[in-house]
Amino acid sequence: MNKMLITIIFLTAAFFLNACKHSDADEVVEIRPSKPGSVAELIKSPVTAEGIKDTSKMAKIQFEETSFDFGTIHQGQVITHFFKLKNVGKTPLIISDGHSTCGCTVPEWPKTPIAPGDTASIKVVFNSEGKKDAQNKPVFIYANTLPAENKIYITGIVK
């Protein structure tokens, strides 16, 4: 029985020592340049190990308004608003994600790149069901801008 226990301990130790020998440094990673016109080519990150470099050639989002006040509504009403935006940068604007802090406020954004100088809209739907009093709902829009997070707001009062 003692020999069996020693054998099990030895095999367990050998297993763990062998597992520790593996290193990610042994793996070869091939880096390929992006194809012309690919999404990767459109994303220009000015952030390097030395800090932020030239941002003049990035996409820049400019909203016509960053806050919409729907006024006073009755509980259960659904409000839809379109936030107009323009790409005032030098590269196509790519919106990758959008969300709010709760499921009552849902954004829809363009899924295709917005060329420099072009305009688009983000549709935001606010459902007041179960809401009461003053409302201030932020909507977070993520894009290839600096900073990547852009905020717009839906506000109002629910009676």
N, C-alpha and C. Protein backbone atom coordinates (compact mmCIF):
# COMPACT_ATOMS: atom_id res chain seq x y z
N MET A 1 0.83 -1.19 0.00
CA MET A 1 0.00 0.00 0.00
C MET A 1 0.87 1.25 0.00
N ASN A 2 1.95 1.25 0.75
CA ASN A 2 2.86 2.37 0.80
C ASN A 2 3.50 2.64 -0.55
N LYS A 3 3.89 1.57 -1.26
CA LYS A 3 4.49 1.74 -2.59
C LYS A 3 3.49 2.34 -3.56
N MET A 4 2.23 1.95 -3.45
CA MET A 4 1.20 2.47 -4.33
C MET A 4 1.00 3.96 -4.09
N LEU A 5 0.98 4.40 -2.84
CA LEU A 5 0.83 5.80 -2.51
C LEU A 5 2.01 6.61 -3.02
N ILE A 6 3.19 6.10 -2.88
CA ILE A 6 4.39 6.79 -3.37
C ILE A 6 4.35 6.90 -4.88
N THR A 7 3.89 5.85 -5.57
CA THR A 7 3.78 5.87 -7.03
C THR A 7 2.78 6.93 -7.48
N ILE A 8 1.65 7.01 -6.79
CA ILE A 8 0.63 8.01 -7.15
C ILE A 8 1.17 9.42 -6.95
N ILE A 9 1.82 9.67 -5.85
CA ILE A 9 2.41 10.99 -5.57
C ILE A 9 3.45 11.33 -6.63
N PHE A 10 4.29 10.35 -6.98
CA PHE A 10 5.32 10.58 -7.99
C PHE A 10 4.70 10.92 -9.35
N LEU A 11 3.68 10.16 -9.75
CA LEU A 11 3.04 10.41 -11.05
C LEU A 11 2.34 11.77 -11.07
N THR A 12 1.70 12.13 -9.94
CA THR A 12 1.04 13.43 -9.86
C THR A 12 2.06 14.57 -9.98
N ALA A 13 3.16 14.45 -9.27
CA ALA A 13 4.21 15.47 -9.33
C ALA A 13 4.79 15.56 -10.73
N ALA A 14 5.01 14.43 -11.39
CA ALA A 14 5.56 14.42 -12.74
C ALA A 14 4.59 15.09 -13.71
N PHE A 15 3.30 14.84 -13.53
CA PHE A 15 2.29 15.46 -14.38
C PHE A 15 2.34 16.97 -14.26
N PHE A 16 2.36 17.49 -13.03
CA PHE A 16 2.36 18.94 -12.82
C PHE A 16 3.66 19.58 -13.30
N LEU A 17 4.78 18.93 -13.09
CA LEU A 17 6.04 19.48 -13.56
C LEU A 17 6.08 19.54 -15.08
N ASN A 18 5.54 18.53 -15.74
CA ASN A 18 5.51 18.52 -17.20
C ASN A 18 4.55 19.60 -17.72
N ALA A 19 3.43 19.80 -17.03
CA ALA A 19 2.47 20.83 -17.45
C ALA A 19 3.07 22.22 -17.35
N CYS A 20 3.93 22.45 -16.38
CA CYS A 20 4.55 23.77 -16.20
C CYS A 20 5.59 24.07 -17.26
N LYS A 21 6.09 23.07 -17.95
CA LYS A 21 7.10 23.29 -18.97
C LYS A 21 6.54 23.98 -20.20
N HIS A 22 5.21 23.82 -20.48
CA HIS A 22 4.61 24.40 -21.67
C HIS A 22 4.59 25.92 -21.55
N SER A 23 4.94 26.57 -22.61
CA SER A 23 4.97 28.03 -22.62
C SER A 23 4.36 28.53 -23.91
N ASP A 24 3.66 29.67 -23.82
CA ASP A 24 3.12 30.29 -25.02
C ASP A 24 4.23 30.82 -25.92
N ALA A 25 5.42 30.99 -25.36
CA ALA A 25 6.54 31.49 -26.15
C ALA A 25 6.95 30.49 -27.22
N ASP A 26 6.58 29.20 -27.04
CA ASP A 26 6.90 28.18 -28.02
C ASP A 26 6.03 28.29 -29.26
N GLU A 27 4.90 28.99 -29.14
CA GLU A 27 3.96 29.09 -30.25
C GLU A 27 4.39 30.19 -31.22
N VAL A 28 4.17 29.95 -32.50
CA VAL A 28 4.50 30.92 -33.53
C VAL A 28 3.21 31.61 -33.96
N VAL A 29 3.21 32.93 -33.95
CA VAL A 29 2.05 33.70 -34.37
C VAL A 29 2.41 34.43 -35.64
N GLU A 30 1.61 34.21 -36.66
CA GLU A 30 1.85 34.87 -37.94
C GLU A 30 1.04 36.16 -38.00
N ILE A 31 1.68 37.26 -38.29
CA ILE A 31 1.01 38.54 -38.42
C ILE A 31 0.94 38.89 -39.89
N ARG A 32 -0.28 39.07 -40.36
CA ARG A 32 -0.47 39.40 -41.77
C ARG A 32 -0.99 40.83 -41.89
N PRO A 33 -0.54 41.56 -42.87
CA PRO A 33 -1.09 42.91 -43.06
C PRO A 33 -2.55 42.80 -43.50
N SER A 34 -3.34 43.80 -43.17
CA SER A 34 -4.75 43.77 -43.55
C SER A 34 -4.90 43.99 -45.05
N LYS A 35 -5.96 43.42 -45.59
CA LYS A 35 -6.24 43.57 -47.02
C LYS A 35 -6.80 44.97 -47.27
N PRO A 36 -6.50 45.55 -48.41
CA PRO A 36 -7.07 46.87 -48.74
C PRO A 36 -8.59 46.82 -48.68
N GLY A 37 -9.19 47.80 -47.99
CA GLY A 37 -10.63 47.87 -47.87
C GLY A 37 -11.21 47.05 -46.73
N SER A 38 -10.37 46.33 -45.99
CA SER A 38 -10.88 45.53 -44.88
C SER A 38 -11.20 46.42 -43.69
N VAL A 39 -12.03 45.92 -42.78
CA VAL A 39 -12.40 46.68 -41.59
C VAL A 39 -11.15 47.01 -40.77
N ALA A 40 -10.22 46.07 -40.68
CA ALA A 40 -9.00 46.31 -39.90
C ALA A 40 -8.21 47.49 -40.45
N GLU A 41 -8.26 47.69 -41.75
CA GLU A 41 -7.55 48.82 -42.35
C GLU A 41 -8.22 50.15 -42.00
N LEU A 42 -9.53 50.14 -41.75
CA LEU A 42 -10.27 51.36 -41.46
C LEU A 42 -10.04 51.85 -40.04
N ILE A 43 -9.65 50.96 -39.16
CA ILE A 43 -9.47 51.34 -37.76
C ILE A 43 -8.04 51.84 -37.57
N LYS A 44 -7.92 53.09 -37.28
CA LYS A 44 -6.61 53.72 -37.09
C LYS A 44 -6.45 54.06 -35.61
N SER A 45 -5.68 53.29 -34.91
CA SER A 45 -5.49 53.54 -33.49
C SER A 45 -4.27 54.43 -33.27
N PRO A 46 -4.44 55.57 -32.61
CA PRO A 46 -3.32 56.47 -32.36
C PRO A 46 -2.57 56.10 -31.08
N VAL A 47 -3.02 55.07 -30.38
CA VAL A 47 -2.42 54.70 -29.11
C VAL A 47 -1.28 53.73 -29.35
N THR A 48 -0.10 54.09 -28.86
CA THR A 48 1.08 53.24 -28.95
C THR A 48 1.65 53.04 -27.56
N ALA A 49 2.71 52.28 -27.46
CA ALA A 49 3.34 52.06 -26.16
C ALA A 49 3.89 53.37 -25.58
N GLU A 50 4.21 54.31 -26.45
CA GLU A 50 4.75 55.59 -25.99
C GLU A 50 3.65 56.58 -25.61
N GLY A 51 2.40 56.26 -25.89
CA GLY A 51 1.30 57.16 -25.58
C GLY A 51 0.45 57.43 -26.81
N ILE A 52 -0.32 58.50 -26.77
CA ILE A 52 -1.20 58.84 -27.88
C ILE A 52 -0.43 59.64 -28.91
N LYS A 53 -0.53 59.19 -30.16
CA LYS A 53 0.12 59.87 -31.27
C LYS A 53 -0.89 60.75 -32.01
N ASP A 54 -0.67 61.00 -33.25
CA ASP A 54 -1.49 61.87 -34.08
C ASP A 54 -2.93 61.33 -34.20
N THR A 55 -3.90 62.14 -33.81
CA THR A 55 -5.31 61.74 -33.91
C THR A 55 -6.02 62.43 -35.07
N SER A 56 -5.30 63.20 -35.86
CA SER A 56 -5.92 63.99 -36.93
C SER A 56 -6.50 63.13 -38.05
N LYS A 57 -6.04 61.89 -38.19
CA LYS A 57 -6.53 61.05 -39.28
C LYS A 57 -7.56 60.03 -38.80
N MET A 58 -8.10 60.21 -37.61
CA MET A 58 -9.09 59.28 -37.07
C MET A 58 -10.50 59.68 -37.46
N ALA A 59 -11.41 58.73 -37.27
CA ALA A 59 -12.84 59.04 -37.41
C ALA A 59 -13.25 59.86 -36.20
N LYS A 60 -14.15 60.82 -36.41
CA LYS A 60 -14.64 61.64 -35.30
C LYS A 60 -16.14 61.76 -35.44
N ILE A 61 -16.83 61.49 -34.34
CA ILE A 61 -18.28 61.52 -34.35
C ILE A 61 -18.75 62.85 -33.78
N GLN A 62 -19.68 63.50 -34.48
CA GLN A 62 -20.25 64.76 -34.02
C GLN A 62 -21.77 64.62 -34.05
N PHE A 63 -22.37 64.66 -32.85
CA PHE A 63 -23.82 64.55 -32.75
C PHE A 63 -24.46 65.92 -32.92
N GLU A 64 -25.60 65.97 -33.60
CA GLU A 64 -26.36 67.20 -33.72
C GLU A 64 -26.85 67.62 -32.32
N GLU A 65 -27.20 66.64 -31.51
CA GLU A 65 -27.58 66.85 -30.11
C GLU A 65 -27.15 65.60 -29.34
N THR A 66 -26.74 65.77 -28.10
CA THR A 66 -26.33 64.62 -27.30
C THR A 66 -27.37 64.26 -26.24
N SER A 67 -28.43 65.07 -26.14
CA SER A 67 -29.49 64.80 -25.17
C SER A 67 -30.84 65.15 -25.78
N PHE A 68 -31.82 64.27 -25.53
CA PHE A 68 -33.18 64.52 -26.01
C PHE A 68 -34.13 64.45 -24.82
N ASP A 69 -34.87 65.52 -24.59
CA ASP A 69 -35.85 65.57 -23.50
C ASP A 69 -37.22 65.31 -24.11
N PHE A 70 -37.83 64.18 -23.75
CA PHE A 70 -39.14 63.84 -24.30
C PHE A 70 -40.29 64.52 -23.56
N GLY A 71 -39.98 65.31 -22.54
CA GLY A 71 -41.01 66.04 -21.80
C GLY A 71 -41.68 65.16 -20.77
N THR A 72 -43.00 65.33 -20.61
CA THR A 72 -43.77 64.54 -19.64
C THR A 72 -44.68 63.58 -20.41
N ILE A 73 -44.57 62.31 -20.07
CA ILE A 73 -45.41 61.29 -20.71
C ILE A 73 -46.07 60.44 -19.63
N HIS A 74 -47.01 59.61 -20.05
CA HIS A 74 -47.68 58.69 -19.13
C HIS A 74 -46.99 57.34 -19.18
N GLN A 75 -46.95 56.68 -18.02
CA GLN A 75 -46.31 55.37 -17.92
C GLN A 75 -46.90 54.42 -18.97
N GLY A 76 -46.02 53.71 -19.65
CA GLY A 76 -46.43 52.76 -20.69
C GLY A 76 -46.20 53.28 -22.10
N GLN A 77 -46.02 54.58 -22.25
CA GLN A 77 -45.76 55.13 -23.57
C GLN A 77 -44.35 54.75 -24.04
N VAL A 78 -44.21 54.61 -25.33
CA VAL A 78 -42.91 54.29 -25.94
C VAL A 78 -42.48 55.49 -26.77
N ILE A 79 -41.28 55.98 -26.52
CA ILE A 79 -40.72 57.13 -27.21
C ILE A 79 -39.60 56.67 -28.14
N THR A 80 -39.62 57.14 -29.37
CA THR A 80 -38.54 56.85 -30.33
C THR A 80 -37.92 58.17 -30.75
N HIS A 81 -36.59 58.22 -30.72
CA HIS A 81 -35.89 59.43 -31.15
C HIS A 81 -34.68 59.03 -31.98
N PHE A 82 -34.40 59.83 -33.00
CA PHE A 82 -33.23 59.61 -33.85
C PHE A 82 -32.18 60.67 -33.54
N PHE A 83 -31.02 60.23 -33.10
CA PHE A 83 -29.89 61.12 -32.86
C PHE A 83 -29.08 61.20 -34.16
N LYS A 84 -29.06 62.37 -34.78
CA LYS A 84 -28.32 62.55 -36.02
C LYS A 84 -26.85 62.78 -35.70
N LEU A 85 -25.99 62.20 -36.53
CA LEU A 85 -24.55 62.33 -36.33
C LEU A 85 -23.86 62.53 -37.66
N LYS A 86 -22.65 63.05 -37.58
CA LYS A 86 -21.83 63.27 -38.77
C LYS A 86 -20.41 62.80 -38.45
N ASN A 87 -19.78 62.16 -39.42
CA ASN A 87 -18.37 61.80 -39.28
C ASN A 87 -17.55 62.99 -39.74
N VAL A 88 -16.97 63.72 -38.79
CA VAL A 88 -16.16 64.89 -39.12
C VAL A 88 -14.67 64.55 -39.13
N GLY A 89 -14.36 63.25 -39.12
CA GLY A 89 -12.97 62.80 -39.15
C GLY A 89 -12.49 62.54 -40.56
N LYS A 90 -11.31 61.94 -40.65
CA LYS A 90 -10.67 61.69 -41.94
C LYS A 90 -10.73 60.22 -42.37
N THR A 91 -11.32 59.37 -41.53
CA THR A 91 -11.41 57.94 -41.79
C THR A 91 -12.86 57.51 -41.64
N PRO A 92 -13.29 56.45 -42.32
CA PRO A 92 -14.66 55.97 -42.12
C PRO A 92 -14.94 55.66 -40.64
N LEU A 93 -16.11 56.06 -40.20
CA LEU A 93 -16.56 55.86 -38.82
C LEU A 93 -17.24 54.50 -38.73
N ILE A 94 -16.78 53.68 -37.79
CA ILE A 94 -17.36 52.35 -37.59
C ILE A 94 -17.92 52.29 -36.18
N ILE A 95 -19.23 52.16 -36.07
CA ILE A 95 -19.87 52.00 -34.76
C ILE A 95 -19.95 50.50 -34.50
N SER A 96 -19.31 50.06 -33.44
CA SER A 96 -19.23 48.63 -33.17
C SER A 96 -20.26 48.14 -32.17
N ASP A 97 -20.77 49.03 -31.31
CA ASP A 97 -21.71 48.58 -30.29
C ASP A 97 -22.46 49.77 -29.72
N GLY A 98 -23.59 49.47 -29.12
CA GLY A 98 -24.39 50.47 -28.44
C GLY A 98 -25.25 49.79 -27.40
N HIS A 99 -25.36 50.39 -26.24
CA HIS A 99 -26.21 49.83 -25.19
C HIS A 99 -26.55 50.89 -24.17
N SER A 100 -27.53 50.58 -23.32
CA SER A 100 -27.93 51.48 -22.25
C SER A 100 -27.77 50.75 -20.92
N THR A 101 -28.11 51.45 -19.85
CA THR A 101 -27.96 50.87 -18.52
C THR A 101 -29.13 49.96 -18.15
N CYS A 102 -30.22 49.99 -18.94
CA CYS A 102 -31.34 49.07 -18.67
C CYS A 102 -32.00 48.69 -19.99
N GLY A 103 -32.82 47.66 -19.94
CA GLY A 103 -33.48 47.17 -21.14
C GLY A 103 -34.60 48.06 -21.64
N CYS A 104 -34.95 49.11 -20.89
CA CYS A 104 -36.03 50.00 -21.31
C CYS A 104 -35.58 50.96 -22.40
N THR A 105 -34.28 51.11 -22.60
CA THR A 105 -33.73 52.03 -23.59
C THR A 105 -32.85 51.23 -24.54
N VAL A 106 -33.26 51.15 -25.81
CA VAL A 106 -32.56 50.30 -26.77
C VAL A 106 -32.11 51.10 -27.99
N PRO A 107 -30.80 51.12 -28.27
CA PRO A 107 -30.31 51.83 -29.45
C PRO A 107 -30.18 50.90 -30.66
N GLU A 108 -30.32 51.47 -31.84
CA GLU A 108 -30.01 50.81 -33.11
C GLU A 108 -29.08 51.74 -33.87
N TRP A 109 -27.97 51.23 -34.36
CA TRP A 109 -26.96 52.06 -35.01
C TRP A 109 -26.64 51.49 -36.39
N PRO A 110 -26.05 52.32 -37.27
CA PRO A 110 -25.66 51.84 -38.60
C PRO A 110 -24.60 50.75 -38.49
N LYS A 111 -24.76 49.70 -39.26
CA LYS A 111 -23.82 48.57 -39.22
C LYS A 111 -22.73 48.68 -40.29
N THR A 112 -22.85 49.66 -41.17
CA THR A 112 -21.84 49.85 -42.21
C THR A 112 -21.03 51.11 -41.90
N PRO A 113 -19.78 51.18 -42.37
CA PRO A 113 -18.96 52.37 -42.11
C PRO A 113 -19.60 53.64 -42.67
N ILE A 114 -19.40 54.73 -41.95
CA ILE A 114 -19.91 56.04 -42.34
C ILE A 114 -18.71 56.85 -42.85
N ALA A 115 -18.74 57.19 -44.12
CA ALA A 115 -17.60 57.87 -44.76
C ALA A 115 -17.38 59.26 -44.16
N PRO A 116 -16.14 59.77 -44.23
CA PRO A 116 -15.88 61.13 -43.77
C PRO A 116 -16.82 62.12 -44.45
N GLY A 117 -17.45 62.98 -43.65
CA GLY A 117 -18.38 63.97 -44.17
C GLY A 117 -19.82 63.49 -44.27
N ASP A 118 -20.04 62.18 -44.18
CA ASP A 118 -21.40 61.64 -44.29
C ASP A 118 -22.13 61.71 -42.95
N THR A 119 -23.46 61.62 -43.04
CA THR A 119 -24.30 61.66 -41.85
C THR A 119 -25.05 60.34 -41.71
N ALA A 120 -25.54 60.09 -40.51
CA ALA A 120 -26.33 58.89 -40.21
C ALA A 120 -27.15 59.19 -38.96
N SER A 121 -27.91 58.20 -38.51
CA SER A 121 -28.71 58.36 -37.31
C SER A 121 -28.62 57.13 -36.42
N ILE A 122 -28.75 57.37 -35.13
CA ILE A 122 -28.88 56.29 -34.16
C ILE A 122 -30.29 56.37 -33.61
N LYS A 123 -31.03 55.30 -33.78
CA LYS A 123 -32.41 55.23 -33.29
C LYS A 123 -32.37 54.74 -31.85
N VAL A 124 -33.05 55.48 -30.96
CA VAL A 124 -33.14 55.08 -29.56
C VAL A 124 -34.62 54.98 -29.19
N VAL A 125 -34.99 53.82 -28.65
CA VAL A 125 -36.38 53.58 -28.23
C VAL A 125 -36.39 53.46 -26.71
N PHE A 126 -37.24 54.28 -26.07
CA PHE A 126 -37.41 54.26 -24.61
C PHE A 126 -38.82 53.76 -24.31
N ASN A 127 -38.92 52.68 -23.54
CA ASN A 127 -40.20 52.13 -23.11
C ASN A 127 -40.41 52.51 -21.65
N SER A 128 -41.42 53.32 -21.37
CA SER A 128 -41.64 53.83 -20.01
C SER A 128 -42.43 52.88 -19.11
N GLU A 129 -42.75 51.69 -19.60
CA GLU A 129 -43.49 50.72 -18.79
C GLU A 129 -42.71 50.43 -17.50
N GLY A 130 -43.36 50.62 -16.36
CA GLY A 130 -42.72 50.36 -15.07
C GLY A 130 -41.82 51.48 -14.58
N LYS A 131 -41.74 52.57 -15.32
CA LYS A 131 -40.89 53.71 -14.93
C LYS A 131 -41.77 54.79 -14.32
N LYS A 132 -41.15 55.62 -13.47
CA LYS A 132 -41.91 56.66 -12.77
C LYS A 132 -40.98 57.83 -12.45
N ASP A 133 -41.51 59.04 -12.54
CA ASP A 133 -40.80 60.27 -12.19
C ASP A 133 -39.71 60.60 -13.21
N ALA A 134 -38.68 61.34 -12.77
CA ALA A 134 -37.62 61.81 -13.68
C ALA A 134 -36.80 60.63 -14.21
N GLN A 135 -36.53 60.69 -15.51
CA GLN A 135 -35.73 59.65 -16.18
C GLN A 135 -34.55 60.32 -16.88
N ASN A 136 -33.38 59.71 -16.73
CA ASN A 136 -32.17 60.18 -17.40
C ASN A 136 -31.41 58.92 -17.83
N LYS A 137 -31.63 58.49 -19.05
CA LYS A 137 -31.08 57.23 -19.54
C LYS A 137 -29.90 57.49 -20.48
N PRO A 138 -28.69 57.10 -20.06
CA PRO A 138 -27.54 57.23 -20.96
C PRO A 138 -27.52 56.09 -21.97
N VAL A 139 -27.05 56.40 -23.16
CA VAL A 139 -26.83 55.39 -24.20
C VAL A 139 -25.36 55.48 -24.57
N PHE A 140 -24.67 54.37 -24.50
CA PHE A 140 -23.24 54.32 -24.79
C PHE A 140 -23.04 53.81 -26.21
N ILE A 141 -22.33 54.59 -27.01
CA ILE A 141 -22.05 54.25 -28.40
C ILE A 141 -20.54 54.06 -28.52
N TYR A 142 -20.13 52.88 -29.00
CA TYR A 142 -18.70 52.56 -29.14
C TYR A 142 -18.31 52.58 -30.61
N ALA A 143 -17.24 53.31 -30.90
CA ALA A 143 -16.80 53.47 -32.29
C ALA A 143 -15.28 53.59 -32.35
N ASN A 144 -14.76 53.65 -33.57
CA ASN A 144 -13.32 53.82 -33.76
C ASN A 144 -12.93 55.29 -33.64
N THR A 145 -13.30 55.88 -32.51
CA THR A 145 -13.02 57.28 -32.20
C THR A 145 -12.15 57.33 -30.95
N LEU A 146 -11.70 58.50 -30.60
CA LEU A 146 -10.94 58.67 -29.37
C LEU A 146 -11.60 59.77 -28.57
N PRO A 147 -12.23 59.48 -27.45
CA PRO A 147 -12.34 58.16 -26.83
C PRO A 147 -13.31 57.27 -27.60
N ALA A 148 -13.22 55.97 -27.39
CA ALA A 148 -14.07 55.01 -28.10
C ALA A 148 -15.52 55.07 -27.62
N GLU A 149 -15.73 55.47 -26.37
CA GLU A 149 -17.08 55.54 -25.81
C GLU A 149 -17.65 56.94 -25.99
N ASN A 150 -18.83 57.01 -26.60
CA ASN A 150 -19.55 58.26 -26.80
C ASN A 150 -20.90 58.12 -26.11
N LYS A 151 -21.39 59.17 -25.45
CA LYS A 151 -22.66 59.09 -24.72
C LYS A 151 -23.70 60.04 -25.29
N ILE A 152 -24.92 59.53 -25.36
CA ILE A 152 -26.08 60.35 -25.67
C ILE A 152 -27.14 60.02 -24.60
N TYR A 153 -28.11 60.91 -24.39
CA TYR A 153 -29.06 60.73 -23.29
C TYR A 153 -30.49 60.93 -23.74
N ILE A 154 -31.38 60.16 -23.11
CA ILE A 154 -32.84 60.34 -23.24
C ILE A 154 -33.30 60.76 -21.83
N THR A 155 -33.99 61.89 -21.74
CA THR A 155 -34.46 62.37 -20.45
C THR A 155 -35.94 62.75 -20.53
N GLY A 156 -36.57 62.83 -19.38
CA GLY A 156 -37.96 63.26 -19.31
C GLY A 156 -38.59 62.81 -18.02
N ILE A 157 -39.90 63.03 -17.95
CA ILE A 157 -40.65 62.69 -16.74
C ILE A 157 -41.77 61.72 -17.11
N VAL A 158 -41.90 60.66 -16.32
CA VAL A 158 -42.96 59.67 -16.53
C VAL A 158 -43.96 59.80 -15.40
N LYS A 159 -45.24 60.05 -15.75
CA LYS A 159 -46.33 60.18 -14.75
C LYS A 159 -47.02 58.85 -14.57
